[in-house]
Amino acid sequence: MNFSNSLSISASALTSQRLRMDVISSNIANAETTRAGIENGQFVPYRRKVVVMEPLQNSFESMLQAQMGGGQKVGEGVKVGTIKEDQSPLKPVYNPNHPDANAEGYVYMPNVDIAKEMVDMISATRSYEANVTALNASKAMVMKALEIGK
């Protein structure tokens, strides 16, 4: 593994975690949005979005084979594969005075749980910080290696 590989791995993780934090922020901001889009002529509430990450190029099988064969093949980082909508049910809330209430007086609210989003945000922030630390450690090693030649 060379220095540029470690830098690119950390950079890809930083980019992915940043996007994950942006999606979580969007979920929190839309936790009360009952008119996020239109389906069949009806307003639909916002649905929670989830970031799905995947390896940049190597599959698990190829990495396993390389390790079993004594090879030194390493990962190449991560990328955001997709951003999916969470298909868990929407929360019905009884509020007959709400403009989006149905005939029974229920309003369907987004499936966003603020506590879960905050836990995800803390996880994404910690992952981001860990990758910044790894990036700084790699940078420090390169600087020390350059000082050897002095």
Protein backbone atom coordinates (compact mmCIF):
# COMPACT_ATOMS: atom_id res chain seq x y z
CA MET A 1 0.00 0.00 0.00
CA ASN A 2 1.49 3.34 -0.98
CA PHE A 3 0.88 6.80 0.45
CA SER A 4 -1.29 8.01 -2.41
CA ASN A 5 -3.55 4.98 -1.97
CA SER A 6 -4.11 5.80 1.71
CA LEU A 7 -4.85 9.42 0.82
CA SER A 8 -7.37 8.44 -1.85
CA ILE A 9 -9.09 5.97 0.50
CA SER A 10 -9.48 8.66 3.16
CA ALA A 11 -10.63 11.21 0.57
CA SER A 12 -13.33 8.89 -0.78
CA ALA A 13 -14.55 8.19 2.76
CA LEU A 14 -14.62 11.92 3.56
CA THR A 15 -16.70 12.63 0.45
CA SER A 16 -19.12 9.79 1.21
CA GLN A 17 -19.56 10.74 4.86
CA ARG A 18 -20.13 14.37 3.91
CA LEU A 19 -22.95 13.35 1.56
CA ARG A 20 -24.36 11.10 4.29
CA MET A 21 -24.41 14.09 6.68
CA ASP A 22 -26.17 16.19 4.03
CA VAL A 23 -28.88 13.55 3.55
CA ILE A 24 -29.38 13.21 7.31
CA SER A 25 -29.68 17.01 7.56
CA SER A 26 -32.31 16.93 4.83
CA ASN A 27 -34.23 14.26 6.75
CA ILE A 28 -34.20 16.38 9.92
CA ALA A 29 -35.23 19.51 8.02
CA ASN A 30 -38.19 17.69 6.43
CA ALA A 31 -39.40 15.83 9.53
CA GLU A 32 -42.70 17.76 9.46
CA THR A 33 -43.14 18.13 5.67
CA THR A 34 -46.50 16.76 4.57
CA ARG A 35 -46.28 18.04 0.99
CA ALA A 36 -43.03 16.77 -0.47
CA GLY A 37 -44.42 15.68 -3.82
CA ILE A 38 -47.50 14.68 -5.77
CA GLU A 39 -48.59 11.13 -6.57
CA ASN A 40 -51.85 10.45 -8.39
CA GLY A 41 -52.92 14.06 -7.90
CA GLN A 42 -52.47 13.88 -4.12
CA PHE A 43 -49.78 15.45 -1.96
CA VAL A 44 -47.48 12.89 -0.34
CA PRO A 45 -45.38 13.37 2.80
CA TYR A 46 -41.60 13.38 2.77
CA ARG A 47 -39.99 9.94 3.06
CA ARG A 48 -36.76 9.44 4.97
CA LYS A 49 -33.73 8.93 2.75
CA VAL A 50 -30.85 6.55 3.49
CA VAL A 51 -27.36 6.55 1.96
CA VAL A 52 -26.06 3.17 0.80
CA MET A 53 -22.29 2.95 0.43
CA GLU A 54 -20.31 0.39 -1.54
CA PRO A 55 -16.66 -0.29 -2.30
CA LEU A 56 -15.12 1.71 -5.12
CA GLN A 57 -13.98 -1.16 -7.31
CA ASN A 58 -13.15 -4.34 -5.47
CA SER A 59 -15.79 -6.86 -4.61
CA PHE A 60 -15.59 -8.76 -1.34
CA GLU A 61 -14.94 -11.96 -3.28
CA SER A 62 -11.93 -10.55 -5.12
CA MET A 63 -10.42 -9.17 -1.91
CA LEU A 64 -10.98 -12.48 -0.11
CA GLN A 65 -9.32 -14.40 -2.94
CA ALA A 66 -6.37 -12.01 -2.93
CA GLN A 67 -5.89 -12.41 0.82
CA MET A 68 -6.25 -16.19 0.73
CA GLY A 69 -3.70 -16.36 -2.06
CA GLY A 70 -1.21 -14.35 -0.03
CA GLY A 71 -1.64 -11.28 -2.22
CA GLN A 72 -1.34 -7.75 -0.91
CA LYS A 73 -4.40 -6.36 -2.62
CA VAL A 74 -6.07 -3.70 -0.49
CA GLY A 75 -9.31 -1.76 -0.68
CA GLU A 76 -9.58 1.35 -2.77
CA GLY A 77 -12.13 3.31 -0.79
CA VAL A 78 -15.89 3.74 -0.79
CA LYS A 79 -18.51 5.53 -2.82
CA VAL A 80 -22.18 6.27 -2.43
CA GLY A 81 -23.99 3.57 -4.33
CA THR A 82 -27.51 4.90 -4.01
CA ILE A 83 -29.71 7.12 -1.91
CA LYS A 84 -32.85 5.11 -1.15
CA GLU A 85 -36.17 6.14 0.30
CA ASP A 86 -37.05 4.35 3.52
CA GLN A 87 -40.23 2.37 2.86
CA SER A 88 -41.30 2.11 6.49
CA PRO A 89 -44.89 3.24 7.06
CA LEU A 90 -45.79 6.89 7.45
CA LYS A 91 -47.04 8.04 10.85
CA PRO A 92 -50.78 8.80 11.02
CA VAL A 93 -51.54 11.71 13.37
CA TYR A 94 -55.05 12.75 14.28
CA ASN A 95 -55.40 16.45 13.45
CA PRO A 96 -58.70 17.22 11.71
CA ASN A 97 -57.83 20.95 11.41
CA HIS A 98 -54.71 20.30 9.31
CA PRO A 99 -55.11 21.18 5.60
CA ASP A 100 -53.76 17.75 4.58
CA ALA A 101 -56.08 15.73 6.86
CA ASN A 102 -58.05 12.95 5.21
CA ALA A 103 -61.79 12.34 5.67
CA GLU A 104 -61.21 10.63 9.06
CA GLY A 105 -59.10 13.56 10.29
CA TYR A 106 -55.71 11.85 10.05
CA VAL A 107 -52.61 13.47 8.58
CA TYR A 108 -49.82 11.20 7.40
CA MET A 109 -46.52 12.56 8.68
CA PRO A 110 -43.04 11.67 7.39
CA ASN A 111 -41.37 8.49 8.65
CA VAL A 112 -38.46 10.49 10.08
CA ASP A 113 -37.47 9.76 13.68
CA ILE A 114 -35.38 12.67 14.98
CA ALA A 115 -33.62 10.51 17.61
CA LYS A 116 -32.57 7.97 14.95
CA GLU A 117 -31.38 10.77 12.67
CA MET A 118 -29.30 12.29 15.46
CA VAL A 119 -27.67 8.92 16.17
CA ASP A 120 -26.92 8.56 12.45
CA MET A 121 -25.52 12.10 12.37
CA ILE A 122 -23.22 11.38 15.31
CA SER A 123 -22.05 8.18 13.59
CA ALA A 124 -21.38 10.01 10.31
CA THR A 125 -19.56 12.81 12.14
CA ARG A 126 -17.36 10.35 14.03
CA SER A 127 -16.57 8.49 10.81
CA TYR A 128 -15.67 11.78 9.14
CA GLU A 129 -13.41 12.73 12.06
CA ALA A 130 -11.72 9.30 12.00
CA ASN A 131 -10.96 9.71 8.31
CA VAL A 132 -9.57 13.21 8.88
CA THR A 133 -7.28 11.69 11.53
CA ALA A 134 -6.16 8.94 9.14
CA LEU A 135 -5.53 11.52 6.43
CA ASN A 136 -3.47 13.67 8.79
CA ALA A 137 -1.49 10.61 9.95
CA SER A 138 -0.67 9.72 6.33
CA LYS A 139 0.35 13.30 5.67
CA ALA A 140 2.57 13.32 8.76
CA MET A 141 4.26 10.08 7.61
CA VAL A 142 4.99 11.59 4.22
CA MET A 143 6.48 14.69 5.86
CA LYS A 144 8.68 12.55 8.14
CA ALA A 145 9.82 10.49 5.17
CA LEU A 146 10.79 13.67 3.33
CA GLU A 147 12.78 14.86 6.36
CA ILE A 148 14.92 11.70 6.24
CA GLY A 149 16.61 13.01 3.09
CA LYS A 150 17.78 16.20 4.78
